[in-house]
Amino acid sequence: IGIDLSDEMLSAADFKAKGEISFIKS
């Protein structure tokens, strides 16, 4: 599970993970 505050960082992370990792903004 990944947590980050940056929308831009999370967007890049989600693109790379192809939906296989859950990301949370916090």
mmCIF file of all heavy atoms, coordinates in Angstrom:
data_MODEL
# 
_entry.id   MODEL 
# 
loop_
_atom_site.group_PDB 
_atom_site.id 
_atom_site.type_symbol 
_atom_site.label_atom_id 
_atom_site.label_alt_id 
_atom_site.label_comp_id 
_atom_site.label_asym_id 
_atom_site.label_entity_id 
_atom_site.label_seq_id 
_atom_site.pdbx_PDB_ins_code 
_atom_site.Cartn_x 
_atom_site.Cartn_y 
_atom_site.Cartn_z 
_atom_site.occupancy 
_atom_site.B_iso_or_equiv 
_atom_site.pdbx_formal_charge 
_atom_site.auth_seq_id 
_atom_site.auth_comp_id 
_atom_site.auth_asym_id 
_atom_site.auth_atom_id 
_atom_site.pdbx_PDB_model_num 
ATOM 1   N N   . ILE A 1 1  ? 0.869  -1.171 0.000   1.00 0.00 ? 1  ILE A N   1 
ATOM 2   C CA  . ILE A 1 1  ? 0.000  0.000  0.000   1.00 0.00 ? 1  ILE A CA  1 
ATOM 3   C C   . ILE A 1 1  ? 0.908  1.223  0.000   1.00 0.00 ? 1  ILE A C   1 
ATOM 4   O O   . ILE A 1 1  ? 1.871  1.288  0.776   1.00 0.00 ? 1  ILE A O   1 
ATOM 5   C CB  . ILE A 1 1  ? -0.902 0.036  1.247   1.00 0.00 ? 1  ILE A CB  1 
ATOM 6   C CG1 . ILE A 1 1  ? -1.799 -1.202 1.293   1.00 0.00 ? 1  ILE A CG1 1 
ATOM 7   C CG2 . ILE A 1 1  ? -1.738 1.311  1.284   1.00 0.00 ? 1  ILE A CG2 1 
ATOM 8   C CD1 . ILE A 1 1  ? -2.533 -1.363 2.622   1.00 0.00 ? 1  ILE A CD1 1 
ATOM 9   N N   . GLY A 1 2  ? 0.645  2.177  -0.875  1.00 0.00 ? 2  GLY A N   1 
ATOM 10  C CA  . GLY A 1 2  ? 1.456  3.391  -0.935  1.00 0.00 ? 2  GLY A CA  1 
ATOM 11  C C   . GLY A 1 2  ? 0.679  4.604  -0.464  1.00 0.00 ? 2  GLY A C   1 
ATOM 12  O O   . GLY A 1 2  ? -0.518 4.729  -0.748  1.00 0.00 ? 2  GLY A O   1 
ATOM 13  N N   . ILE A 1 3  ? 1.361  5.486  0.268   1.00 0.00 ? 3  ILE A N   1 
ATOM 14  C CA  . ILE A 1 3  ? 0.769  6.749  0.712   1.00 0.00 ? 3  ILE A CA  1 
ATOM 15  C C   . ILE A 1 3  ? 1.662  7.897  0.279   1.00 0.00 ? 3  ILE A C   1 
ATOM 16  O O   . ILE A 1 3  ? 2.881  7.842  0.453   1.00 0.00 ? 3  ILE A O   1 
ATOM 17  C CB  . ILE A 1 3  ? 0.584  6.781  2.242   1.00 0.00 ? 3  ILE A CB  1 
ATOM 18  C CG1 . ILE A 1 3  ? -0.577 5.875  2.666   1.00 0.00 ? 3  ILE A CG1 1 
ATOM 19  C CG2 . ILE A 1 3  ? 0.340  8.202  2.745   1.00 0.00 ? 3  ILE A CG2 1 
ATOM 20  C CD1 . ILE A 1 3  ? -0.838 5.873  4.162   1.00 0.00 ? 3  ILE A CD1 1 
ATOM 21  N N   . ASP A 1 4  ? 1.050  8.944  -0.271  1.00 0.00 ? 4  ASP A N   1 
ATOM 22  C CA  . ASP A 1 4  ? 1.783  10.164 -0.599  1.00 0.00 ? 4  ASP A CA  1 
ATOM 23  C C   . ASP A 1 4  ? 0.782  11.320 -0.623  1.00 0.00 ? 4  ASP A C   1 
ATOM 24  O O   . ASP A 1 4  ? -0.421 11.100 -0.791  1.00 0.00 ? 4  ASP A O   1 
ATOM 25  C CB  . ASP A 1 4  ? 2.495  10.040 -1.947  1.00 0.00 ? 4  ASP A CB  1 
ATOM 26  C CG  . ASP A 1 4  ? 3.680  10.982 -2.069  1.00 0.00 ? 4  ASP A CG  1 
ATOM 27  O OD1 . ASP A 1 4  ? 3.482  12.150 -2.450  1.00 0.00 ? 4  ASP A OD1 1 
ATOM 28  O OD2 . ASP A 1 4  ? 4.814  10.555 -1.770  1.00 0.00 ? 4  ASP A OD2 1 
ATOM 29  N N   . LEU A 1 5  ? 1.299  12.533 -0.471  1.00 0.00 ? 5  LEU A N   1 
ATOM 30  C CA  . LEU A 1 5  ? 0.432  13.712 -0.459  1.00 0.00 ? 5  LEU A CA  1 
ATOM 31  C C   . LEU A 1 5  ? 0.277  14.345 -1.828  1.00 0.00 ? 5  LEU A C   1 
ATOM 32  O O   . LEU A 1 5  ? -0.682 15.063 -2.082  1.00 0.00 ? 5  LEU A O   1 
ATOM 33  C CB  . LEU A 1 5  ? 0.990  14.750 0.527   1.00 0.00 ? 5  LEU A CB  1 
ATOM 34  C CG  . LEU A 1 5  ? 0.156  16.012 0.744   1.00 0.00 ? 5  LEU A CG  1 
ATOM 35  C CD1 . LEU A 1 5  ? -1.242 15.671 1.259   1.00 0.00 ? 5  LEU A CD1 1 
ATOM 36  C CD2 . LEU A 1 5  ? 0.863  16.950 1.724   1.00 0.00 ? 5  LEU A CD2 1 
ATOM 37  N N   . SER A 1 6  ? 1.212  14.053 -2.743  1.00 0.00 ? 6  SER A N   1 
ATOM 38  C CA  . SER A 1 6  ? 1.230  14.712 -4.044  1.00 0.00 ? 6  SER A CA  1 
ATOM 39  C C   . SER A 1 6  ? 0.359  13.973 -5.059  1.00 0.00 ? 6  SER A C   1 
ATOM 40  O O   . SER A 1 6  ? 0.587  12.794 -5.357  1.00 0.00 ? 6  SER A O   1 
ATOM 41  C CB  . SER A 1 6  ? 2.670  14.792 -4.571  1.00 0.00 ? 6  SER A CB  1 
ATOM 42  O OG  . SER A 1 6  ? 2.694  15.129 -5.938  1.00 0.00 ? 6  SER A OG  1 
ATOM 43  N N   . ASP A 1 7  ? -0.636 14.673 -5.614  1.00 0.00 ? 7  ASP A N   1 
ATOM 44  C CA  . ASP A 1 7  ? -1.466 14.084 -6.664  1.00 0.00 ? 7  ASP A CA  1 
ATOM 45  C C   . ASP A 1 7  ? -0.626 13.663 -7.856  1.00 0.00 ? 7  ASP A C   1 
ATOM 46  O O   . ASP A 1 7  ? -0.866 12.613 -8.468  1.00 0.00 ? 7  ASP A O   1 
ATOM 47  C CB  . ASP A 1 7  ? -2.526 15.091 -7.118  1.00 0.00 ? 7  ASP A CB  1 
ATOM 48  C CG  . ASP A 1 7  ? -3.625 15.303 -6.084  1.00 0.00 ? 7  ASP A CG  1 
ATOM 49  O OD1 . ASP A 1 7  ? -4.074 14.310 -5.488  1.00 0.00 ? 7  ASP A OD1 1 
ATOM 50  O OD2 . ASP A 1 7  ? -4.022 16.465 -5.878  1.00 0.00 ? 7  ASP A OD2 1 
ATOM 51  N N   . GLU A 1 8  ? 0.347  14.500 -8.201  1.00 0.00 ? 8  GLU A N   1 
ATOM 52  C CA  . GLU A 1 8  ? 1.174  14.216 -9.378  1.00 0.00 ? 8  GLU A CA  1 
ATOM 53  C C   . GLU A 1 8  ? 2.040  12.983 -9.168  1.00 0.00 ? 8  GLU A C   1 
ATOM 54  O O   . GLU A 1 8  ? 2.193  12.148 -10.066 1.00 0.00 ? 8  GLU A O   1 
ATOM 55  C CB  . GLU A 1 8  ? 2.047  15.437 -9.694  1.00 0.00 ? 8  GLU A CB  1 
ATOM 56  C CG  . GLU A 1 8  ? 1.277  16.640 -10.229 1.00 0.00 ? 8  GLU A CG  1 
ATOM 57  C CD  . GLU A 1 8  ? 0.524  17.388 -9.136  1.00 0.00 ? 8  GLU A CD  1 
ATOM 58  O OE1 . GLU A 1 8  ? 0.864  17.195 -7.945  1.00 0.00 ? 8  GLU A OE1 1 
ATOM 59  O OE2 . GLU A 1 8  ? -0.394 18.149 -9.468  1.00 0.00 ? 8  GLU A OE2 1 
ATOM 60  N N   . MET A 1 9  ? 2.624  12.867 -7.980  1.00 0.00 ? 9  MET A N   1 
ATOM 61  C CA  . MET A 1 9  ? 3.423  11.680 -7.671  1.00 0.00 ? 9  MET A CA  1 
ATOM 62  C C   . MET A 1 9  ? 2.554  10.424 -7.703  1.00 0.00 ? 9  MET A C   1 
ATOM 63  O O   . MET A 1 9  ? 2.939  9.393  -8.272  1.00 0.00 ? 9  MET A O   1 
ATOM 64  C CB  . MET A 1 9  ? 4.076  11.832 -6.295  1.00 0.00 ? 9  MET A CB  1 
ATOM 65  C CG  . MET A 1 9  ? 5.168  12.875 -6.226  1.00 0.00 ? 9  MET A CG  1 
ATOM 66  S SD  . MET A 1 9  ? 6.696  12.311 -7.011  1.00 0.00 ? 9  MET A SD  1 
ATOM 67  C CE  . MET A 1 9  ? 7.865  13.503 -6.317  1.00 0.00 ? 9  MET A CE  1 
ATOM 68  N N   . LEU A 1 10 ? 1.385  10.494 -7.085  1.00 0.00 ? 10 LEU A N   1 
ATOM 69  C CA  . LEU A 1 10 ? 0.498  9.333  -7.038  1.00 0.00 ? 10 LEU A CA  1 
ATOM 70  C C   . LEU A 1 10 ? 0.002  8.946  -8.427  1.00 0.00 ? 10 LEU A C   1 
ATOM 71  O O   . LEU A 1 10 ? -0.160 7.759  -8.722  1.00 0.00 ? 10 LEU A O   1 
ATOM 72  C CB  . LEU A 1 10 ? -0.688 9.621  -6.117  1.00 0.00 ? 10 LEU A CB  1 
ATOM 73  C CG  . LEU A 1 10 ? -0.369 9.679  -4.623  1.00 0.00 ? 10 LEU A CG  1 
ATOM 74  C CD1 . LEU A 1 10 ? -1.590 10.135 -3.837  1.00 0.00 ? 10 LEU A CD1 1 
ATOM 75  C CD2 . LEU A 1 10 ? 0.115  8.327  -4.109  1.00 0.00 ? 10 LEU A CD2 1 
ATOM 76  N N   . SER A 1 11 ? -0.241 9.938  -9.265  1.00 0.00 ? 11 SER A N   1 
ATOM 77  C CA  . SER A 1 11 ? -0.663 9.651  -10.633 1.00 0.00 ? 11 SER A CA  1 
ATOM 78  C C   . SER A 1 11 ? 0.419  8.875  -11.376 1.00 0.00 ? 11 SER A C   1 
ATOM 79  O O   . SER A 1 11 ? 0.126  7.885  -12.067 1.00 0.00 ? 11 SER A O   1 
ATOM 80  C CB  . SER A 1 11 ? -0.985 10.952 -11.369 1.00 0.00 ? 11 SER A CB  1 
ATOM 81  O OG  . SER A 1 11 ? -1.357 10.696 -12.708 1.00 0.00 ? 11 SER A OG  1 
ATOM 82  N N   . ALA A 1 12 ? 1.677  9.306  -11.216 1.00 0.00 ? 12 ALA A N   1 
ATOM 83  C CA  . ALA A 1 12 ? 2.788  8.597  -11.846 1.00 0.00 ? 12 ALA A CA  1 
ATOM 84  C C   . ALA A 1 12 ? 2.926  7.190  -11.279 1.00 0.00 ? 12 ALA A C   1 
ATOM 85  O O   . ALA A 1 12 ? 3.171  6.229  -12.010 1.00 0.00 ? 12 ALA A O   1 
ATOM 86  C CB  . ALA A 1 12 ? 4.080  9.382  -11.649 1.00 0.00 ? 12 ALA A CB  1 
ATOM 87  N N   . ALA A 1 13 ? 2.772  7.063  -9.962  1.00 0.00 ? 13 ALA A N   1 
ATOM 88  C CA  . ALA A 1 13 ? 2.893  5.757  -9.314  1.00 0.00 ? 13 ALA A CA  1 
ATOM 89  C C   . ALA A 1 13 ? 1.805  4.803  -9.797  1.00 0.00 ? 13 ALA A C   1 
ATOM 90  O O   . ALA A 1 13 ? 2.070  3.629  -10.103 1.00 0.00 ? 13 ALA A O   1 
ATOM 91  C CB  . ALA A 1 13 ? 2.833  5.925  -7.801  1.00 0.00 ? 13 ALA A CB  1 
ATOM 92  N N   . ASP A 1 14 ? 0.588  5.285  -9.871  1.00 0.00 ? 14 ASP A N   1 
ATOM 93  C CA  . ASP A 1 14 ? -0.527 4.440  -10.295 1.00 0.00 ? 14 ASP A CA  1 
ATOM 94  C C   . ASP A 1 14 ? -0.367 3.998  -11.739 1.00 0.00 ? 14 ASP A C   1 
ATOM 95  O O   . ASP A 1 14 ? -0.674 2.852  -12.091 1.00 0.00 ? 14 ASP A O   1 
ATOM 96  C CB  . ASP A 1 14 ? -1.841 5.205  -10.112 1.00 0.00 ? 14 ASP A CB  1 
ATOM 97  C CG  . ASP A 1 14 ? -3.053 4.304  -10.247 1.00 0.00 ? 14 ASP A CG  1 
ATOM 98  O OD1 . ASP A 1 14 ? -3.103 3.255  -9.578  1.00 0.00 ? 14 ASP A OD1 1 
ATOM 99  O OD2 . ASP A 1 14 ? -3.965 4.650  -11.024 1.00 0.00 ? 14 ASP A OD2 1 
ATOM 100 N N   . PHE A 1 15 ? 0.143  4.889  -12.585 1.00 0.00 ? 15 PHE A N   1 
ATOM 101 C CA  . PHE A 1 15 ? 0.382  4.539  -13.987 1.00 0.00 ? 15 PHE A CA  1 
ATOM 102 C C   . PHE A 1 15 ? 1.418  3.424  -14.090 1.00 0.00 ? 15 PHE A C   1 
ATOM 103 O O   . PHE A 1 15 ? 1.246  2.462  -14.856 1.00 0.00 ? 15 PHE A O   1 
ATOM 104 C CB  . PHE A 1 15 ? 0.859  5.772  -14.758 1.00 0.00 ? 15 PHE A CB  1 
ATOM 105 C CG  . PHE A 1 15 ? 1.194  5.500  -16.191 1.00 0.00 ? 15 PHE A CG  1 
ATOM 106 C CD1 . PHE A 1 15 ? 0.192  5.396  -17.155 1.00 0.00 ? 15 PHE A CD1 1 
ATOM 107 C CD2 . PHE A 1 15 ? 2.512  5.332  -16.589 1.00 0.00 ? 15 PHE A CD2 1 
ATOM 108 C CE1 . PHE A 1 15 ? 0.499  5.144  -18.487 1.00 0.00 ? 15 PHE A CE1 1 
ATOM 109 C CE2 . PHE A 1 15 ? 2.831  5.071  -17.912 1.00 0.00 ? 15 PHE A CE2 1 
ATOM 110 C CZ  . PHE A 1 15 ? 1.825  4.975  -18.869 1.00 0.00 ? 15 PHE A CZ  1 
ATOM 111 N N   . LYS A 1 16 ? 2.487  3.515  -13.309 1.00 0.00 ? 16 LYS A N   1 
ATOM 112 C CA  . LYS A 1 16 ? 3.545  2.511  -13.355 1.00 0.00 ? 16 LYS A CA  1 
ATOM 113 C C   . LYS A 1 16 ? 3.082  1.170  -12.783 1.00 0.00 ? 16 LYS A C   1 
ATOM 114 O O   . LYS A 1 16 ? 3.488  0.110  -13.252 1.00 0.00 ? 16 LYS A O   1 
ATOM 115 C CB  . LYS A 1 16 ? 4.776  3.008  -12.588 1.00 0.00 ? 16 LYS A CB  1 
ATOM 116 C CG  . LYS A 1 16 ? 5.528  4.108  -13.316 1.00 0.00 ? 16 LYS A CG  1 
ATOM 117 C CD  . LYS A 1 16 ? 6.346  4.969  -12.392 1.00 0.00 ? 16 LYS A CD  1 
ATOM 118 C CE  . LYS A 1 16 ? 7.419  4.246  -11.651 1.00 0.00 ? 16 LYS A CE  1 
ATOM 119 N NZ  . LYS A 1 16 ? 8.278  5.157  -10.858 1.00 0.00 ? 16 LYS A NZ  1 
ATOM 120 N N   . ALA A 1 17 ? 2.216  1.232  -11.765 1.00 0.00 ? 17 ALA A N   1 
ATOM 121 C CA  . ALA A 1 17 ? 1.789  0.003  -11.090 1.00 0.00 ? 17 ALA A CA  1 
ATOM 122 C C   . ALA A 1 17 ? 0.665  -0.722 -11.833 1.00 0.00 ? 17 ALA A C   1 
ATOM 123 O O   . ALA A 1 17 ? 0.350  -1.869 -11.506 1.00 0.00 ? 17 ALA A O   1 
ATOM 124 C CB  . ALA A 1 17 ? 1.335  0.329  -9.680  1.00 0.00 ? 17 ALA A CB  1 
ATOM 125 N N   . LYS A 1 18 ? 0.059  -0.048 -12.808 1.00 0.00 ? 18 LYS A N   1 
ATOM 126 C CA  . LYS A 1 18 ? -1.006 -0.659 -13.626 1.00 0.00 ? 18 LYS A CA  1 
ATOM 127 C C   . LYS A 1 18 ? -2.135 -1.228 -12.763 1.00 0.00 ? 18 LYS A C   1 
ATOM 128 O O   . LYS A 1 18 ? -2.679 -2.297 -13.047 1.00 0.00 ? 18 LYS A O   1 
ATOM 129 C CB  . LYS A 1 18 ? -0.420 -1.737 -14.529 1.00 0.00 ? 18 LYS A CB  1 
ATOM 130 C CG  . LYS A 1 18 ? 0.573  -1.212 -15.551 1.00 0.00 ? 18 LYS A CG  1 
ATOM 131 C CD  . LYS A 1 18 ? 1.116  -2.337 -16.413 1.00 0.00 ? 18 LYS A CD  1 
ATOM 132 C CE  . LYS A 1 18 ? 1.974  -1.807 -17.552 1.00 0.00 ? 18 LYS A CE  1 
ATOM 133 N NZ  . LYS A 1 18 ? 3.163  -1.072 -17.118 1.00 0.00 ? 18 LYS A NZ  1 
ATOM 134 N N   . GLY A 1 19 ? -2.453 -0.513 -11.688 1.00 0.00 ? 19 GLY A N   1 
ATOM 135 C CA  . GLY A 1 19 ? -3.571 -0.918 -10.850 1.00 0.00 ? 19 GLY A CA  1 
ATOM 136 C C   . GLY A 1 19 ? -3.296 -2.053 -9.895  1.00 0.00 ? 19 GLY A C   1 
ATOM 137 O O   . GLY A 1 19 ? -4.215 -2.523 -9.204  1.00 0.00 ? 19 GLY A O   1 
ATOM 138 N N   . GLU A 1 20 ? -2.057 -2.512 -9.809  1.00 0.00 ? 20 GLU A N   1 
ATOM 139 C CA  . GLU A 1 20 ? -1.741 -3.663 -8.965  1.00 0.00 ? 20 GLU A CA  1 
ATOM 140 C C   . GLU A 1 20 ? -1.319 -3.272 -7.550  1.00 0.00 ? 20 GLU A C   1 
ATOM 141 O O   . GLU A 1 20 ? -1.050 -4.149 -6.729  1.00 0.00 ? 20 GLU A O   1 
ATOM 142 C CB  . GLU A 1 20 ? -0.636 -4.501 -9.627  1.00 0.00 ? 20 GLU A CB  1 
ATOM 143 C CG  . GLU A 1 20 ? -1.072 -5.107 -10.955 1.00 0.00 ? 20 GLU A CG  1 
ATOM 144 C CD  . GLU A 1 20 ? 0.004  -5.972 -11.573 1.00 0.00 ? 20 GLU A CD  1 
ATOM 145 O OE1 . GLU A 1 20 ? 1.139  -5.961 -11.064 1.00 0.00 ? 20 GLU A OE1 1 
ATOM 146 O OE2 . GLU A 1 20 ? -0.297 -6.660 -12.560 1.00 0.00 ? 20 GLU A OE2 1 
ATOM 147 N N   . ILE A 1 21 ? -1.250 -1.982 -7.262  1.00 0.00 ? 21 ILE A N   1 
ATOM 148 C CA  . ILE A 1 21 ? -0.912 -1.485 -5.929  1.00 0.00 ? 21 ILE A CA  1 
ATOM 149 C C   . ILE A 1 21 ? -1.945 -0.439 -5.542  1.00 0.00 ? 21 ILE A C   1 
ATOM 150 O O   . ILE A 1 21 ? -2.359 0.376  -6.367  1.00 0.00 ? 21 ILE A O   1 
ATOM 151 C CB  . ILE A 1 21 ? 0.505  -0.871 -5.899  1.00 0.00 ? 21 ILE A CB  1 
ATOM 152 C CG1 . ILE A 1 21 ? 1.562  -1.940 -6.195  1.00 0.00 ? 21 ILE A CG1 1 
ATOM 153 C CG2 . ILE A 1 21 ? 0.802  -0.208 -4.558  1.00 0.00 ? 21 ILE A CG2 1 
ATOM 154 C CD1 . ILE A 1 21 ? 2.972  -1.380 -6.329  1.00 0.00 ? 21 ILE A CD1 1 
ATOM 155 N N   . SER A 1 22 ? -2.369 -0.476 -4.285  1.00 0.00 ? 22 SER A N   1 
ATOM 156 C CA  . SER A 1 22 ? -3.315 0.523  -3.790  1.00 0.00 ? 22 SER A CA  1 
ATOM 157 C C   . SER A 1 22 ? -2.561 1.750  -3.308  1.00 0.00 ? 22 SER A C   1 
ATOM 158 O O   . SER A 1 22 ? -1.612 1.634  -2.523  1.00 0.00 ? 22 SER A O   1 
ATOM 159 C CB  . SER A 1 22 ? -4.138 -0.057 -2.631  1.00 0.00 ? 22 SER A CB  1 
ATOM 160 O OG  . SER A 1 22 ? -4.915 -1.150 -3.066  1.00 0.00 ? 22 SER A OG  1 
ATOM 161 N N   . PHE A 1 23 ? -2.963 2.920  -3.784  1.00 0.00 ? 23 PHE A N   1 
ATOM 162 C CA  . PHE A 1 23 ? -2.328 4.164  -3.382  1.00 0.00 ? 23 PHE A CA  1 
ATOM 163 C C   . PHE A 1 23 ? -3.365 5.062  -2.703  1.00 0.00 ? 23 PHE A C   1 
ATOM 164 O O   . PHE A 1 23 ? -4.522 5.129  -3.117  1.00 0.00 ? 23 PHE A O   1 
ATOM 165 C CB  . PHE A 1 23 ? -1.719 4.886  -4.581  1.00 0.00 ? 23 PHE A CB  1 
ATOM 166 C CG  . PHE A 1 23 ? -0.550 4.152  -5.182  1.00 0.00 ? 23 PHE A CG  1 
ATOM 167 C CD1 . PHE A 1 23 ? -0.688 3.470  -6.383  1.00 0.00 ? 23 PHE A CD1 1 
ATOM 168 C CD2 . PHE A 1 23 ? 0.685  4.137  -4.547  1.00 0.00 ? 23 PHE A CD2 1 
ATOM 169 C CE1 . PHE A 1 23 ? 0.385  2.792  -6.935  1.00 0.00 ? 23 PHE A CE1 1 
ATOM 170 C CE2 . PHE A 1 23 ? 1.763  3.470  -5.092  1.00 0.00 ? 23 PHE A CE2 1 
ATOM 171 C CZ  . PHE A 1 23 ? 1.620  2.784  -6.284  1.00 0.00 ? 23 PHE A CZ  1 
ATOM 172 N N   . ILE A 1 24 ? -2.907 5.750  -1.658  1.00 0.00 ? 24 ILE A N   1 
ATOM 173 C CA  . ILE A 1 24 ? -3.768 6.614  -0.858  1.00 0.00 ? 24 ILE A CA  1 
ATOM 174 C C   . ILE A 1 24 ? -3.129 7.987  -0.768  1.00 0.00 ? 24 ILE A C   1 
ATOM 175 O O   . ILE A 1 24 ? -1.920 8.106  -0.549  1.00 0.00 ? 24 ILE A O   1 
ATOM 176 C CB  . ILE A 1 24 ? -3.946 6.042  0.569   1.00 0.00 ? 24 ILE A CB  1 
ATOM 177 C CG1 . ILE A 1 24 ? -4.560 4.635  0.508   1.00 0.00 ? 24 ILE A CG1 1 
ATOM 178 C CG2 . ILE A 1 24 ? -4.780 6.971  1.433   1.00 0.00 ? 24 ILE A CG2 1 
ATOM 179 C CD1 . ILE A 1 24 ? -4.519 3.905  1.839   1.00 0.00 ? 24 ILE A CD1 1 
ATOM 180 N N   . LYS A 1 25 ? -3.935 9.034  -0.926  1.00 0.00 ? 25 LYS A N   1 
ATOM 181 C CA  . LYS A 1 25 ? -3.434 10.392 -0.737  1.00 0.00 ? 25 LYS A CA  1 
ATOM 182 C C   . LYS A 1 25 ? -3.604 10.794 0.724   1.00 0.00 ? 25 LYS A C   1 
ATOM 183 O O   . LYS A 1 25 ? -4.721 10.804 1.248   1.00 0.00 ? 25 LYS A O   1 
ATOM 184 C CB  . LYS A 1 25 ? -4.175 11.380 -1.634  1.00 0.00 ? 25 LYS A CB  1 
ATOM 185 C CG  . LYS A 1 25 ? -3.688 12.825 -1.463  1.00 0.00 ? 25 LYS A CG  1 
ATOM 186 C CD  . LYS A 1 25 ? -4.446 13.804 -2.328  1.00 0.00 ? 25 LYS A CD  1 
ATOM 187 C CE  . LYS A 1 25 ? -3.945 15.233 -2.084  1.00 0.00 ? 25 LYS A CE  1 
ATOM 188 N NZ  . LYS A 1 25 ? -4.654 16.229 -2.897  1.00 0.00 ? 25 LYS A NZ  1 
ATOM 189 N N   . SER A 1 26 ? -2.489 11.117 1.378   1.00 0.00 ? 26 SER A N   1 
ATOM 190 C CA  . SER A 1 26 ? -2.555 11.540 2.774   1.00 0.00 ? 26 SER A CA  1 
ATOM 191 C C   . SER A 1 26 ? -1.226 12.129 3.200   1.00 0.00 ? 26 SER A C   1 
ATOM 192 O O   . SER A 1 26 ? -0.181 11.864 2.597   1.00 0.00 ? 26 SER A O   1 
ATOM 193 C CB  . SER A 1 26 ? -2.907 10.359 3.686   1.00 0.00 ? 26 SER A CB  1 
ATOM 194 O OG  . SER A 1 26 ? -3.052 10.796 5.030   1.00 0.00 ? 26 SER A OG  1 
# 
